[in-house]
Amino acid sequence: MINKEDDASAVLCVGRIYCDLIFTGLARMPVLGREVFADDMTIAAGGGAYISAAHFADVGRSSALVARLGLDPLSCEVEKQIRSREIGIDFLERAADAGPQVTVASVLNGERAFLTRRAGTAEPASLEEALHWPLARHLHIAEYATLAEIPDLARRAKSAGLTVSLDPSWDDDLIRSPDLLAACEGVDVFLPNLEEARAITGEPDISDMFDQLCRHFPVVALKAGADGAYCSEGQSVLHQAADPVDVVDTTGAGDAFNAGFVDKWLRSEPLSSCLAAGIATGSRAVQHAGGAS
């Protein structure tokens, strides 16, 4: 753990920002050639960087977005939502090629299907300035796709004296890459969900997943949805269950978990407390449409 000044405790959240169009109240998932109607739709700022930053702010930790945002109408709507939250935006770059980045999410019985368009590059011109911001203590990378696009990101953060966490986030083109674990060198806290961990390691058993992942990361926290979460520092694996809640939308639940878990980890709390905080934050998130509602 890094010892810095008491006021140097902010988390930088780096990754792409999306405009999420979230359809809820579906009778069935869309299929080719048939129209499906939803009871409700929410337009929300999305992407792991924004959602995590919002939840870091909600648990009382300063956060700042390190990202790019477009100039189109959807990006402008997203910016309004970002500005309504207590999130630092000094490192938010506005550029025409950065939007619109849109995700259409169809939600049925707690499960989701996504259709996404990426735009422009992930690295903002403000990255180096952000990494050396005097108030920064930690860098949270919201998706492995960002690290793949900026391969020296973790190294640069460590050189600036920051600890680093990473949520790999599902990406069909990258999640099974044989180079993924090696490319994550320098990451202190690895935060996959169960499906991602299974794809990355090729292991069906949770203990075998941890055996492999703990060779690469000092701390691993594995999110298991309604079954709660697991974590380890390379020794025994801890598990905590999640209390039942009314689920509206699971979009961003993992990002909310990340904020709760990492906040407690930065406070040097025991892993059991980190797990409890992550599960509580994730459970609050699923009771609303939109990851940062």
Protein backbone atom coordinates (compact mmCIF):
# COMPACT_ATOMS: atom_id res chain seq x y z
CA MET A 1 0.00 0.00 0.00
CA ILE A 2 1.24 3.46 -0.90
CA ASN A 3 1.75 6.05 1.82
CA LYS A 4 0.78 9.47 0.53
CA GLU A 5 -0.56 12.66 2.02
CA ASP A 6 -3.99 12.26 3.59
CA ASP A 7 -5.61 14.40 0.89
CA ALA A 8 -3.98 12.39 -1.91
CA SER A 9 -6.67 9.73 -1.94
CA ALA A 10 -8.51 10.19 -5.25
CA VAL A 11 -9.12 7.39 -7.73
CA LEU A 12 -8.60 7.96 -11.44
CA CYS A 13 -11.04 5.94 -13.57
CA VAL A 14 -9.87 5.36 -17.12
CA GLY A 15 -11.91 3.84 -19.94
CA ARG A 16 -14.46 4.59 -22.61
CA ILE A 17 -17.69 6.45 -21.85
CA TYR A 18 -20.90 5.24 -23.48
CA CYS A 19 -24.47 6.34 -23.88
CA ASP A 20 -26.48 3.34 -22.65
CA LEU A 21 -29.96 2.76 -24.08
CA ILE A 22 -31.41 0.29 -21.56
CA PHE A 23 -34.62 -1.57 -22.40
CA THR A 24 -36.39 -3.24 -19.47
CA GLY A 25 -39.69 -5.07 -19.01
CA LEU A 26 -39.21 -7.42 -21.97
CA ALA A 27 -41.31 -10.56 -22.45
CA ARG A 28 -38.46 -12.17 -24.39
CA MET A 29 -35.11 -11.27 -25.94
CA PRO A 30 -35.06 -9.92 -29.51
CA VAL A 31 -34.58 -12.44 -32.30
CA LEU A 32 -34.04 -11.94 -36.03
CA GLY A 33 -37.19 -11.05 -37.95
CA ARG A 34 -39.40 -10.35 -34.90
CA GLU A 35 -40.16 -7.15 -33.04
CA VAL A 36 -40.08 -7.11 -29.26
CA PHE A 37 -41.59 -4.32 -27.14
CA ALA A 38 -40.18 -3.11 -23.84
CA ASP A 39 -42.17 -1.63 -20.96
CA ASP A 40 -39.53 1.00 -20.29
CA MET A 41 -36.31 2.52 -21.61
CA THR A 42 -33.62 4.51 -19.82
CA ILE A 43 -30.97 6.71 -21.45
CA ALA A 44 -27.96 6.74 -19.15
CA ALA A 45 -24.29 7.59 -19.14
CA GLY A 46 -22.43 4.28 -19.17
CA GLY A 47 -19.12 2.51 -19.39
CA GLY A 48 -17.15 1.07 -16.51
CA ALA A 49 -15.02 4.17 -15.97
CA TYR A 50 -18.00 6.46 -15.44
CA ILE A 51 -20.05 3.97 -13.43
CA SER A 52 -17.12 3.15 -11.13
CA ALA A 53 -16.30 6.85 -10.70
CA ALA A 54 -19.92 7.58 -9.74
CA HIS A 55 -19.94 4.80 -7.15
CA PHE A 56 -16.54 5.83 -5.76
CA ALA A 57 -18.08 9.26 -5.19
CA ASP A 58 -21.14 7.67 -3.58
CA VAL A 59 -19.01 5.81 -1.03
CA GLY A 60 -17.23 9.03 -0.16
CA ARG A 61 -14.00 8.79 -2.17
CA SER A 62 -12.90 11.47 -4.63
CA SER A 63 -12.80 10.25 -8.21
CA ALA A 64 -11.93 11.67 -11.59
CA LEU A 65 -12.69 10.47 -15.10
CA VAL A 66 -9.77 10.02 -17.49
CA ALA A 67 -11.57 9.55 -20.78
CA ARG A 68 -12.69 10.95 -24.12
CA LEU A 69 -16.21 12.11 -24.97
CA GLY A 70 -17.76 13.05 -28.32
CA LEU A 71 -19.45 16.25 -29.46
CA ASP A 72 -22.64 14.65 -30.86
CA PRO A 73 -26.10 15.01 -29.21
CA LEU A 74 -25.90 11.69 -27.36
CA SER A 75 -22.48 12.59 -25.97
CA CYS A 76 -23.83 15.97 -24.88
CA GLU A 77 -26.65 14.23 -22.99
CA VAL A 78 -24.09 11.95 -21.36
CA GLU A 79 -22.01 14.99 -20.35
CA LYS A 80 -25.03 16.52 -18.59
CA GLN A 81 -25.41 13.39 -16.50
CA ILE A 82 -21.70 13.27 -15.69
CA ARG A 83 -21.73 16.91 -14.59
CA SER A 84 -24.65 16.19 -12.26
CA ARG A 85 -22.47 13.82 -10.23
CA GLU A 86 -19.62 14.67 -7.87
CA ILE A 87 -16.98 13.37 -10.28
CA GLY A 88 -13.84 15.22 -11.35
CA ILE A 89 -13.92 16.04 -15.07
CA ASP A 90 -10.69 18.03 -15.46
CA PHE A 91 -9.20 15.11 -17.42
CA LEU A 92 -12.22 14.58 -19.69
CA GLU A 93 -11.20 15.24 -23.30
CA ARG A 94 -13.87 16.35 -25.79
CA ALA A 95 -13.25 15.26 -29.41
CA ALA A 96 -15.43 14.72 -32.47
CA ASP A 97 -14.07 11.23 -33.17
CA ALA A 98 -14.88 10.05 -29.62
CA GLY A 99 -18.61 9.66 -30.22
CA PRO A 100 -21.24 8.63 -30.39
CA GLN A 101 -20.35 5.55 -28.36
CA VAL A 102 -23.60 3.72 -27.79
CA THR A 103 -24.59 0.52 -26.01
CA VAL A 104 -28.09 -0.93 -26.42
CA ALA A 105 -28.85 -3.18 -23.45
CA SER A 106 -31.83 -5.55 -23.43
CA VAL A 107 -32.61 -6.78 -19.90
CA LEU A 108 -34.70 -9.89 -19.16
CA ASN A 109 -34.95 -11.67 -15.80
CA GLY A 110 -31.68 -10.17 -14.61
CA GLU A 111 -29.78 -11.19 -17.76
CA ARG A 112 -28.54 -8.75 -20.37
CA ALA A 113 -27.66 -8.66 -24.06
CA PHE A 114 -25.54 -5.82 -25.41
CA LEU A 115 -24.97 -4.22 -28.80
CA THR A 116 -22.15 -1.67 -28.72
CA ARG A 117 -20.40 0.78 -31.03
CA ARG A 118 -16.93 2.01 -30.13
CA ALA A 119 -15.62 5.28 -31.53
CA GLY A 120 -12.16 6.80 -31.77
CA THR A 121 -9.24 5.86 -29.56
CA ALA A 122 -9.33 5.21 -25.82
CA GLU A 123 -6.32 7.27 -24.70
CA PRO A 124 -7.16 10.88 -23.78
CA ALA A 125 -4.62 13.64 -24.32
CA SER A 126 -4.91 14.32 -20.57
CA LEU A 127 -3.61 10.90 -19.46
CA GLU A 128 -0.10 11.89 -18.40
CA GLU A 129 -1.36 14.96 -16.55
CA ALA A 130 -3.91 12.81 -14.74
CA LEU A 131 -1.36 10.21 -13.66
CA HIS A 132 0.72 12.95 -12.02
CA TRP A 133 -2.22 14.75 -10.42
CA PRO A 134 -1.11 15.44 -6.82
CA LEU A 135 -4.41 14.20 -5.39
CA ALA A 136 -4.35 10.85 -7.21
CA ARG A 137 -3.59 7.68 -5.28
CA HIS A 138 -4.98 4.90 -7.44
CA LEU A 139 -5.79 4.13 -11.09
CA HIS A 140 -8.81 1.97 -11.91
CA ILE A 141 -8.79 0.58 -15.46
CA ALA A 142 -12.39 -0.17 -16.36
CA GLU A 143 -11.81 -2.70 -19.14
CA TYR A 144 -8.97 -4.79 -20.49
CA ALA A 145 -9.66 -3.35 -23.96
CA THR A 146 -8.32 -0.01 -22.68
CA LEU A 147 -5.16 -1.66 -21.36
CA ALA A 148 -4.73 -3.53 -24.66
CA GLU A 149 -4.95 -0.21 -26.48
CA ILE A 150 -2.57 1.53 -24.02
CA PRO A 151 -0.23 -1.37 -23.16
CA ASP A 152 2.10 0.67 -20.94
CA LEU A 153 -0.74 2.13 -18.89
CA ALA A 154 -0.14 0.10 -15.71
CA ARG A 155 3.61 0.71 -15.89
CA ARG A 156 3.08 4.47 -16.26
CA ALA A 157 0.70 4.50 -13.31
CA LYS A 158 3.15 2.61 -11.10
CA SER A 159 5.94 4.99 -12.15
CA ALA A 160 3.72 7.82 -10.95
CA GLY A 161 3.35 6.11 -7.55
CA LEU A 162 -0.20 4.82 -8.02
CA THR A 163 -1.69 1.45 -7.23
CA VAL A 164 -3.72 -0.12 -10.03
CA SER A 165 -6.92 -2.16 -10.32
CA LEU A 166 -8.42 -3.72 -13.45
CA ASP A 167 -11.84 -5.05 -14.37
CA PRO A 168 -11.23 -7.10 -17.52
CA SER A 169 -14.83 -6.65 -18.73
CA TRP A 170 -16.08 -9.05 -21.37
CA ASP A 171 -14.71 -8.50 -24.88
CA ASP A 172 -15.23 -11.31 -27.41
CA ASP A 173 -12.05 -10.41 -29.27
CA LEU A 174 -9.80 -10.21 -26.20
CA ILE A 175 -11.12 -12.22 -23.26
CA ARG A 176 -9.45 -15.50 -24.31
CA SER A 177 -6.20 -13.91 -25.47
CA PRO A 178 -3.25 -16.05 -24.34
CA ASP A 179 -1.32 -12.83 -23.67
CA LEU A 180 -3.94 -11.25 -21.40
CA LEU A 181 -2.44 -12.17 -18.03
CA ALA A 182 1.09 -11.22 -19.04
CA ALA A 183 -0.20 -7.90 -20.40
CA CYS A 184 -1.67 -7.11 -16.98
CA GLU A 185 1.71 -6.91 -15.24
CA GLY A 186 1.63 -4.21 -12.58
CA VAL A 187 -2.06 -4.61 -11.71
CA ASP A 188 -2.56 -4.93 -7.94
CA VAL A 189 -6.26 -5.82 -7.79
CA PHE A 190 -7.89 -7.95 -10.50
CA LEU A 191 -11.70 -7.84 -10.60
CA PRO A 192 -13.28 -10.28 -13.08
CA ASN A 193 -16.71 -11.83 -12.89
CA LEU A 194 -17.15 -15.58 -12.87
CA GLU A 195 -17.68 -15.89 -16.62
CA GLU A 196 -14.66 -13.73 -17.41
CA ALA A 197 -12.42 -15.64 -14.99
CA ARG A 198 -13.52 -18.92 -16.53
CA ALA A 199 -12.71 -17.66 -20.06
CA ILE A 200 -9.35 -16.15 -19.03
CA THR A 201 -8.09 -19.19 -17.13
CA GLY A 202 -9.86 -21.98 -19.00
CA GLU A 203 -10.70 -23.46 -15.59
CA PRO A 204 -14.27 -24.46 -14.61
CA ASP A 205 -13.54 -24.71 -10.88
CA ILE A 206 -13.31 -21.56 -8.76
CA SER A 207 -10.35 -22.78 -6.69
CA ASP A 208 -8.43 -23.58 -9.89
CA MET A 209 -9.24 -20.13 -11.25
CA PHE A 210 -7.76 -18.55 -8.12
CA ASP A 211 -4.70 -20.80 -8.24
CA GLN A 212 -3.91 -19.43 -11.68
CA LEU A 213 -4.93 -15.80 -11.20
CA CYS A 214 -3.15 -15.39 -7.85
CA ARG A 215 0.15 -16.17 -9.58
CA HIS A 216 -0.26 -12.91 -11.50
CA PHE A 217 -2.10 -10.54 -9.13
CA PRO A 218 -1.58 -9.72 -5.42
CA VAL A 219 -5.36 -9.50 -4.89
CA VAL A 220 -8.12 -11.19 -6.90
CA ALA A 221 -11.84 -10.52 -6.34
CA LEU A 222 -14.26 -12.63 -8.36
CA LYS A 223 -17.86 -11.44 -8.77
CA ALA A 224 -20.54 -14.12 -8.84
CA GLY A 225 -23.79 -12.15 -9.17
CA ALA A 226 -26.57 -13.38 -6.89
CA ASP A 227 -24.07 -15.78 -5.30
CA GLY A 228 -22.05 -12.86 -3.95
CA ALA A 229 -18.30 -12.76 -4.49
CA TYR A 230 -14.97 -14.45 -3.74
CA CYS A 231 -11.53 -13.01 -3.09
CA SER A 232 -8.00 -14.06 -2.20
CA GLU A 233 -4.54 -12.63 -1.57
CA GLY A 234 -2.96 -15.87 -2.75
CA GLN A 235 -3.79 -17.91 0.32
CA SER A 236 -7.26 -19.16 1.26
CA VAL A 237 -10.28 -18.07 -0.81
CA LEU A 238 -12.99 -16.10 0.99
CA HIS A 239 -16.62 -16.18 -0.08
CA GLN A 240 -19.54 -13.98 0.96
CA ALA A 241 -23.12 -14.41 -0.20
CA ALA A 242 -25.33 -11.57 -1.37
CA ASP A 243 -28.67 -10.84 0.28
CA PRO A 244 -31.69 -11.22 -2.03
CA VAL A 245 -32.85 -7.93 -3.60
CA ASP A 246 -35.37 -6.93 -6.25
CA VAL A 247 -33.33 -6.81 -9.45
CA VAL A 248 -34.29 -4.19 -12.05
CA ASP A 249 -31.12 -4.01 -14.13
CA THR A 250 -27.71 -5.59 -13.56
CA THR A 251 -25.93 -3.15 -15.91
CA GLY A 252 -22.89 -1.77 -14.10
CA ALA A 253 -23.31 -3.94 -11.01
CA GLY A 254 -19.75 -5.22 -11.35
CA ASP A 255 -18.43 -1.67 -11.67
CA ALA A 256 -20.31 -0.70 -8.53
CA PHE A 257 -18.79 -3.70 -6.74
CA ASN A 258 -15.34 -2.54 -7.88
CA ALA A 259 -15.80 0.85 -6.24
CA GLY A 260 -16.94 -0.58 -2.92
CA PHE A 261 -14.20 -3.20 -2.83
CA VAL A 262 -11.31 -0.94 -3.93
CA ASP A 263 -12.34 1.87 -1.57
CA LYS A 264 -12.03 -0.45 1.43
CA TRP A 265 -8.81 -1.99 0.05
CA LEU A 266 -7.27 1.49 -0.18
CA ARG A 267 -8.20 1.95 3.49
CA SER A 268 -6.23 -1.24 4.31
CA GLU A 269 -9.39 -2.97 5.51
CA PRO A 270 -9.38 -6.80 5.72
CA LEU A 271 -10.55 -8.66 2.62
CA SER A 272 -13.77 -9.67 4.35
CA SER A 273 -14.67 -5.98 4.74
CA CYS A 274 -13.70 -5.29 1.12
CA LEU A 275 -15.97 -8.12 -0.04
CA ALA A 276 -18.89 -6.92 2.09
CA ALA A 277 -18.56 -3.38 0.78
CA GLY A 278 -18.35 -4.50 -2.83
CA ILE A 279 -21.40 -6.74 -2.52
CA ALA A 280 -23.40 -3.98 -0.80
CA THR A 281 -22.55 -1.44 -3.49
CA GLY A 282 -23.33 -3.89 -6.29
CA SER A 283 -26.62 -4.88 -4.66
CA ARG A 284 -27.74 -1.25 -4.49
CA ALA A 285 -26.90 -0.78 -8.17
CA VAL A 286 -29.06 -3.64 -9.48
CA GLN A 287 -32.19 -2.15 -7.95
CA HIS A 288 -32.25 0.66 -10.51
CA ALA A 289 -32.03 0.97 -14.30
CA GLY A 290 -28.62 2.28 -15.36
CA GLY A 291 -25.35 1.41 -13.71
CA ALA A 292 -24.91 4.72 -11.88
CA SER A 293 -28.52 5.47 -10.94
